[in-house]
Protein backbone atom coordinates (compact mmCIF):
# COMPACT_ATOMS: atom_id res chain seq x y z
CA MET A 1 0.16 -0.31 0.19
CA SER A 2 0.71 3.53 -0.34
CA ARG A 3 0.23 6.56 1.32
CA LEU A 4 -0.50 9.83 -0.18
CA ASN A 5 -0.87 13.55 1.77
CA MET A 6 -4.74 13.86 0.36
CA PRO A 7 -5.73 17.99 -0.27
CA HIS A 8 -8.10 19.25 1.97
CA TRP A 9 -10.12 19.77 -1.27
CA LEU A 10 -10.52 15.89 -2.27
CA GLU A 11 -13.10 14.16 -0.11
CA LYS A 12 -11.83 10.72 1.89
CA SER A 13 -13.94 7.73 2.47
CA PHE A 14 -17.69 8.94 3.34
CA HIS A 15 -17.57 5.20 5.16
CA PRO A 16 -17.78 5.15 9.01
CA LYS A 17 -16.34 1.66 9.00
CA ALA A 18 -13.69 2.33 6.51
CA TRP A 19 -10.74 0.47 7.81
CA ASN A 20 -8.02 3.25 6.47
CA HIS A 21 -8.35 6.82 5.11
CA ASP A 22 -4.90 7.23 4.07
CA SER A 23 -3.94 4.04 2.09
CA ASN A 24 -4.95 2.04 -1.09
CA TRP A 25 -3.91 -1.31 -2.64
CA MET A 26 -0.87 -0.79 -5.20
CA GLY A 27 -0.65 -4.04 -6.07
CA TYR A 28 0.69 -7.63 -4.91
CA VAL A 29 3.49 -10.18 -5.37
CA ALA A 30 2.72 -13.63 -6.45
CA VAL A 31 4.64 -17.23 -6.81
CA SER A 32 4.59 -19.23 -9.66
CA GLY A 33 3.21 -22.49 -8.26
CA ASP A 34 4.88 -26.07 -8.92
CA ALA A 35 3.64 -27.06 -11.83
CA GLU A 36 3.98 -23.10 -13.61
CA THR A 37 7.29 -23.90 -12.44
CA GLU A 38 8.39 -26.79 -13.84
CA ARG A 39 7.04 -25.83 -17.46
CA ILE A 40 8.72 -22.82 -17.47
CA GLY A 41 12.00 -24.13 -16.09
CA CYS A 42 12.24 -22.09 -12.89
CA ARG A 43 10.49 -20.33 -9.68
CA ASP A 44 9.33 -16.97 -10.97
CA VAL A 45 8.39 -14.26 -8.30
CA LEU A 46 6.11 -11.52 -10.04
CA VAL A 47 5.50 -8.06 -8.60
CA THR A 48 2.15 -6.51 -10.01
CA TRP A 49 1.58 -2.77 -9.73
CA ARG A 50 -1.36 -1.36 -10.72
CA GLY A 51 -2.30 1.83 -12.49
CA THR A 52 -3.70 5.05 -11.73
CA ILE A 53 -7.00 5.42 -9.82
CA ALA A 54 -6.91 8.04 -7.10
CA PRO A 55 -7.48 11.54 -7.60
CA THR A 56 -4.25 12.47 -5.97
CA GLU A 57 -2.29 9.72 -7.72
CA TRP A 58 -2.90 11.77 -10.82
CA LEU A 59 -1.82 15.00 -9.39
CA LYS A 60 1.46 13.06 -8.55
CA ASP A 61 1.60 12.19 -12.49
CA MET A 62 1.97 15.26 -12.87
CA ASP A 63 5.05 16.34 -10.62
CA VAL A 64 7.53 16.26 -13.45
CA ARG A 65 10.17 17.01 -11.43
CA LEU A 66 13.49 15.02 -11.36
CA GLU A 67 14.72 13.51 -8.26
CA HIS A 68 17.46 11.06 -7.66
CA PHE A 69 17.24 7.81 -7.59
CA GLY A 70 20.13 5.36 -6.34
CA GLY A 71 22.22 7.69 -4.24
CA LYS A 72 21.99 11.76 -4.13
CA ASN A 73 25.70 11.76 -5.90
CA SER A 74 24.40 9.68 -8.98
CA ASP A 75 23.12 11.09 -12.49
CA ALA A 76 20.06 8.91 -12.13
CA LYS A 77 16.85 11.01 -11.98
CA VAL A 78 13.77 9.72 -11.96
CA ALA A 79 10.29 11.32 -12.23
CA HIS A 80 9.45 12.87 -8.36
CA GLY A 81 5.29 12.32 -9.07
CA TYR A 82 6.64 8.56 -9.41
CA TYR A 83 9.12 8.56 -6.87
CA GLY A 84 7.02 9.68 -4.02
CA ILE A 85 3.91 7.46 -4.93
CA TYR A 86 6.80 4.83 -4.11
CA THR A 87 8.77 5.64 -1.06
CA SER A 88 5.87 7.81 1.21
CA LYS A 89 5.27 6.78 4.56
CA SER A 90 4.31 7.96 7.62
CA GLU A 91 5.07 6.69 11.06
CA ASP A 92 2.11 8.05 12.91
CA THR A 93 -0.07 5.66 11.42
CA LYS A 94 -0.70 1.96 11.72
CA TYR A 95 -0.67 0.91 7.88
CA ASN A 96 1.70 3.37 6.70
CA GLN A 97 4.78 2.81 8.58
CA LEU A 98 6.44 1.35 5.64
CA SER A 99 6.77 2.59 1.97
CA ALA A 100 5.43 1.02 -0.87
CA GLU A 101 9.19 0.44 -1.57
CA ASP A 102 9.96 -1.21 1.79
CA GLN A 103 6.93 -3.15 1.72
CA VAL A 104 7.97 -5.35 -1.95
CA LEU A 105 11.77 -5.12 -0.78
CA GLU A 106 10.95 -6.95 2.43
CA GLU A 107 8.83 -9.25 0.69
CA LEU A 108 11.30 -10.03 -2.12
CA LYS A 109 13.96 -10.55 0.57
CA ARG A 110 11.57 -12.97 2.15
CA LEU A 111 11.13 -15.08 -1.01
CA ILE A 112 13.80 -14.92 -3.16
CA PRO A 113 16.34 -16.46 -0.45
CA PHE A 114 13.81 -19.00 0.48
CA PHE A 115 13.81 -20.83 -2.95
CA LYS A 116 17.26 -20.45 -3.39
CA SER A 117 18.10 -22.12 -0.65
CA ARG A 118 15.94 -24.99 -1.51
CA GLY A 119 18.28 -25.14 -4.88
CA GLU A 120 15.65 -23.51 -7.24
CA TYR A 121 16.60 -21.24 -10.08
CA VAL A 122 14.72 -17.78 -9.63
CA SER A 123 13.76 -15.04 -11.50
CA LEU A 124 11.71 -11.71 -10.90
CA THR A 125 9.26 -10.52 -13.15
CA LEU A 126 7.40 -6.90 -12.84
CA SER A 127 4.31 -5.92 -14.16
CA GLY A 128 2.10 -2.76 -14.44
CA HIS A 129 -0.51 -0.32 -16.42
CA GLY A 130 0.12 3.37 -16.67
CA LEU A 131 1.96 4.63 -13.39
CA GLY A 132 2.00 0.82 -12.43
CA GLY A 133 4.69 0.58 -15.68
CA ALA A 134 6.82 3.44 -13.28
CA LEU A 135 6.86 1.64 -10.09
CA CYS A 136 8.19 -1.80 -11.94
CA PHE A 137 11.20 0.33 -13.15
CA LEU A 138 11.87 1.25 -9.57
CA THR A 139 11.35 -1.78 -8.19
CA ALA A 140 13.36 -3.39 -10.77
CA TYR A 141 16.18 -1.03 -10.14
CA ASP A 142 15.75 -1.99 -6.15
CA ALA A 143 16.19 -5.74 -7.04
CA ALA A 144 18.93 -5.72 -9.11
CA GLN A 145 20.58 -3.80 -6.62
CA GLU A 146 20.04 -6.27 -3.86
CA PHE A 147 19.95 -9.47 -5.96
CA PRO A 148 23.22 -8.65 -8.64
CA ASP A 149 22.76 -11.83 -10.49
CA LEU A 150 18.84 -12.15 -10.17
CA PRO A 151 17.43 -12.46 -13.93
CA ILE A 152 14.96 -9.58 -14.17
CA THR A 153 12.62 -8.58 -16.56
CA VAL A 154 9.83 -5.83 -16.92
CA ILE A 155 6.86 -5.96 -18.91
CA THR A 156 4.83 -2.61 -19.27
CA PHE A 157 1.37 -1.50 -20.91
CA GLY A 158 0.78 1.92 -21.58
CA GLY A 159 4.05 3.08 -19.09
CA PRO A 160 5.37 6.83 -19.08
CA ARG A 161 8.50 8.08 -19.44
CA VAL A 162 10.26 7.34 -15.52
CA GLY A 163 14.11 8.76 -15.88
CA ASN A 164 16.76 10.30 -17.57
CA LYS A 165 19.31 8.57 -19.60
CA PRO A 166 21.71 7.94 -17.31
CA PHE A 167 18.57 5.86 -14.81
CA CYS A 168 17.99 4.14 -18.31
CA GLU A 169 21.98 3.10 -18.45
CA LYS A 170 22.07 2.06 -14.94
CA LEU A 171 18.72 -0.54 -15.90
CA LYS A 172 21.29 -1.30 -18.76
CA GLU A 173 23.69 -2.32 -16.59
CA LYS A 174 22.35 -4.22 -14.72
CA LYS A 175 21.09 -6.36 -17.46
CA ILE A 176 17.07 -5.94 -16.82
CA LYS A 177 15.16 -7.00 -19.96
CA VAL A 178 12.29 -4.56 -20.99
CA ILE A 179 9.17 -5.19 -22.86
CA ARG A 180 7.03 -1.81 -23.37
CA VAL A 181 3.67 -2.32 -25.32
CA VAL A 182 2.48 0.44 -26.06
CA VAL A 183 -1.14 1.63 -28.07
CA ARG A 184 0.29 3.96 -30.89
CA HIS A 185 -2.39 6.87 -29.94
CA ASP A 186 -1.86 6.28 -26.49
CA ILE A 187 -0.73 9.62 -24.70
CA VAL A 188 0.28 8.18 -21.75
CA PRO A 189 3.78 6.78 -22.93
CA HIS A 190 4.85 10.10 -24.49
CA LEU A 191 4.97 11.88 -21.01
CA PRO A 192 6.35 13.54 -18.56
CA GLY A 193 8.67 15.74 -20.65
CA ILE A 194 8.84 18.46 -22.68
CA PRO A 195 6.87 18.24 -26.23
CA PHE A 196 10.06 18.17 -28.09
CA ASN A 197 11.54 15.06 -26.22
CA LYS A 198 10.91 12.91 -28.96
CA LYS A 199 13.18 14.51 -31.39
CA LEU A 200 15.76 15.65 -28.88
CA GLU A 201 15.99 11.88 -28.42
CA LYS A 202 17.32 11.57 -31.76
CA VAL A 203 20.18 14.22 -31.46
CA GLU A 204 22.32 11.83 -29.48
CA ASN A 205 25.36 14.14 -28.69
CA LEU A 206 22.81 16.39 -26.99
CA ALA A 207 20.62 14.01 -25.25
CA GLU A 208 23.91 12.39 -23.83
CA SER A 209 24.87 16.36 -22.09
CA TRP A 210 21.62 16.45 -21.18
CA HIS A 211 20.72 14.58 -17.80
CA GLY A 212 17.28 16.67 -17.59
CA LEU A 213 15.60 14.63 -20.82
CA TYR A 214 13.11 12.20 -19.76
CA THR A 215 13.84 8.94 -22.17
CA HIS A 216 12.75 5.58 -22.37
CA TYR A 217 14.32 2.41 -22.36
CA GLY A 218 13.61 -1.39 -23.51
CA TYR A 219 12.11 -2.97 -26.32
CA GLU A 220 8.67 -1.68 -27.62
CA LEU A 221 5.92 -3.39 -28.86
CA ASN A 222 3.82 -1.39 -30.69
CA LEU A 223 0.31 -1.84 -31.09
CA GLU A 224 -2.43 -0.30 -33.46
CA VAL A 225 -6.28 0.59 -32.76
CA LYS A 226 -6.93 -0.30 -36.48
CA SER A 227 -5.97 -3.77 -36.44
CA SER A 228 -8.89 -4.85 -34.94
CA PRO A 229 -12.11 -5.26 -36.14
CA TYR A 230 -14.05 -5.02 -33.08
CA LEU A 231 -12.67 -1.26 -31.93
CA LYS A 232 -14.21 2.14 -32.96
CA GLN A 233 -12.09 4.64 -35.20
CA MET A 234 -12.30 7.26 -33.53
CA PHE A 235 -10.59 10.22 -31.07
CA ASP A 236 -10.96 8.50 -27.43
CA LEU A 237 -7.90 9.33 -25.55
CA VAL A 238 -9.03 7.87 -22.32
CA GLY A 239 -10.26 4.58 -24.56
CA TYR A 240 -6.37 4.45 -25.86
CA HIS A 241 -4.90 4.13 -22.52
CA ASN A 242 -7.44 1.01 -21.23
CA LEU A 243 -6.04 -1.67 -19.94
CA GLU A 244 -8.34 -4.33 -21.51
CA MET A 245 -8.15 -2.73 -25.08
CA TYR A 246 -4.24 -3.00 -24.40
CA LEU A 247 -5.06 -6.80 -23.32
CA HIS A 248 -7.36 -6.84 -26.63
CA LEU A 249 -4.64 -6.08 -29.02
CA VAL A 250 -2.23 -8.18 -27.30
CA ASP A 251 -4.45 -10.77 -27.76
CA GLY A 252 -4.72 -10.53 -31.51
CA HIS A 253 -1.05 -9.57 -32.73
CA ILE A 254 0.41 -11.29 -35.43
CA SER A 255 3.63 -8.90 -36.04
CA SER A 256 5.20 -6.09 -36.03
CA ASN A 257 5.99 -5.23 -39.47
CA GLY A 258 3.40 -3.38 -40.75
CA SER A 259 0.77 -6.09 -40.47
CA GLU A 260 -2.86 -4.60 -39.55
CA LYS A 261 -4.16 -8.13 -39.28
CA PHE A 262 -5.88 -9.47 -36.27
CA ARG A 263 -5.46 -13.18 -35.28
CA GLU A 264 -8.39 -15.18 -35.93
CA ASP A 265 -8.03 -17.56 -33.44
CA ALA A 266 -8.15 -15.06 -30.55
CA LYS A 267 -9.36 -16.10 -27.40
CA ARG A 268 -9.87 -13.21 -24.70
CA ASP A 269 -13.49 -12.22 -24.68
CA VAL A 270 -13.99 -8.82 -26.76
CA ALA A 271 -16.09 -7.77 -24.17
CA LEU A 272 -14.25 -6.92 -21.69
CA VAL A 273 -13.10 -3.80 -23.87
CA ASN A 274 -15.98 -1.70 -22.91
CA LYS A 275 -15.85 -2.52 -18.96
CA TRP A 276 -14.67 0.57 -18.44
CA SER A 277 -14.45 2.10 -22.15
CA GLY A 278 -16.60 2.53 -25.18
CA MET A 279 -14.53 1.66 -27.44
CA LEU A 280 -16.05 -1.18 -29.50
CA LYS A 281 -18.15 -1.01 -32.29
CA LYS A 282 -21.82 -0.36 -32.22
CA GLU A 283 -22.33 -3.80 -33.78
CA THR A 284 -21.06 -5.85 -31.20
CA LEU A 285 -23.86 -5.32 -29.25
CA VAL A 286 -21.50 -4.36 -25.76
CA PRO A 287 -22.72 -1.62 -23.41
CA SER A 288 -20.29 0.81 -22.51
CA CYS A 289 -18.27 0.66 -19.29
CA TRP A 290 -20.92 -2.22 -18.15
CA TYR A 291 -18.91 -3.44 -15.11
CA GLN A 292 -20.32 -2.78 -11.83
CA PRO A 293 -21.05 -4.76 -8.52
CA ALA A 294 -24.21 -6.43 -8.31
CA PHE A 295 -26.65 -4.10 -7.17
CA LYS A 296 -23.85 -1.57 -7.00
CA GLY A 297 -22.84 -3.50 -3.77
CA LEU A 298 -25.50 -3.00 -1.56
CA VAL A 299 -27.48 -6.20 0.14
CA CYS A 300 -30.51 -6.77 0.94
CA ASN A 301 -30.94 -7.33 5.08
CA LYS A 302 -33.08 -9.20 7.02
CA LEU A 303 -35.53 -5.92 7.45
CA GLY A 304 -35.57 -5.82 3.99
CA ARG A 305 -33.27 -2.33 3.93
CA TRP A 306 -30.78 -2.09 1.11
CA VAL A 307 -27.21 -1.19 2.97
CA ILE A 308 -23.53 -1.38 2.46
CA PRO A 309 -22.64 -4.99 3.83
CA GLU A 310 -20.12 -5.44 6.82
CA ARG A 311 -16.85 -5.99 5.42
CA GLU A 312 -15.34 -9.62 5.90
CA PRO A 313 -12.13 -9.85 8.40
CA GLU A 314 -10.09 -11.59 5.74
CA ASP A 315 -10.53 -8.44 3.54
CA VAL A 316 -8.96 -6.19 5.83
CA PRO A 317 -5.21 -6.19 5.32
CA PRO A 318 -3.07 -7.20 8.33
CA PRO A 319 -0.44 -4.69 9.47
CA PRO A 320 3.14 -3.95 7.79
CA GLY A 321 5.38 -7.26 8.76
CA THR A 322 2.45 -10.07 8.26
CA HIS A 323 3.27 -12.74 5.97
CA VAL A 324 1.87 -15.75 4.34
CA PRO A 325 3.53 -18.76 5.96
CA LEU A 326 6.24 -20.10 3.55
CA SER A 327 5.32 -23.55 4.81
CA VAL A 328 2.80 -23.43 2.07
CA PHE A 329 5.46 -24.21 -0.57
CA ASN A 330 6.79 -27.21 0.88
């Protein structure tokens, strides 16, 4: 979880029994099961970060000042907003005494040595959408510092630029493999940075001398909205960044050689594209933004009144430092 200072004009939860008013869920750490480990040939630890949801996160995303990352004497710098989300904490609260950075590294330091001690080959995969993609790079950098020989792969969807050229050079030195999935019309991968940022990247000498330039790192997989026969061919700034549309285009992707064909045997449910957007053509007969909890989360109690249900105890996160026992892997 991550803590952000809430501006006074942004409302907090109205629910009187909200378990916490300062934290929000940011992602999770998972481990490949025995069957999957055997299939891929290694025990893969996965870190997934979600994209921007909270209004304060949008504000943080727009904070594009460069912040030192990896030490004050390092030329490597990252966006101040992403850095703040990743490292913010408050010792005055029950659930925010550890930053998102502290929490994820604590879990990696617990899991990776455990599996290595059993003689297993261990790898780390990080994945995220939008803001989550930015956090993946910060986590990958930290993990490479802590585990120098650990194979690390980053896969992002619609991820923004994160840092300057020296930061990207550090990622390269640490042999972090990166695949950035990008929809051509999505504006987020072009941010943050000044409007002519992309052109400046082509001026190699200038880019190398100016450490204030945001730049991308890794292999870029380009996707086209027009490749799908199901998607509207219209301008939709929010829709172009929709994760479900990204996954739809990945599912139908054939090649990046200029072909606009869509895989005929794509398996992902097309209706998911409109889960949070209206990108599907009318002919699909799928309504826009169709997803919502049944009865918008209300339940009918014994008195026949529709009320917000009590939260199950297991839905309330344990305080920092509480872990899933490693005995489950024995």
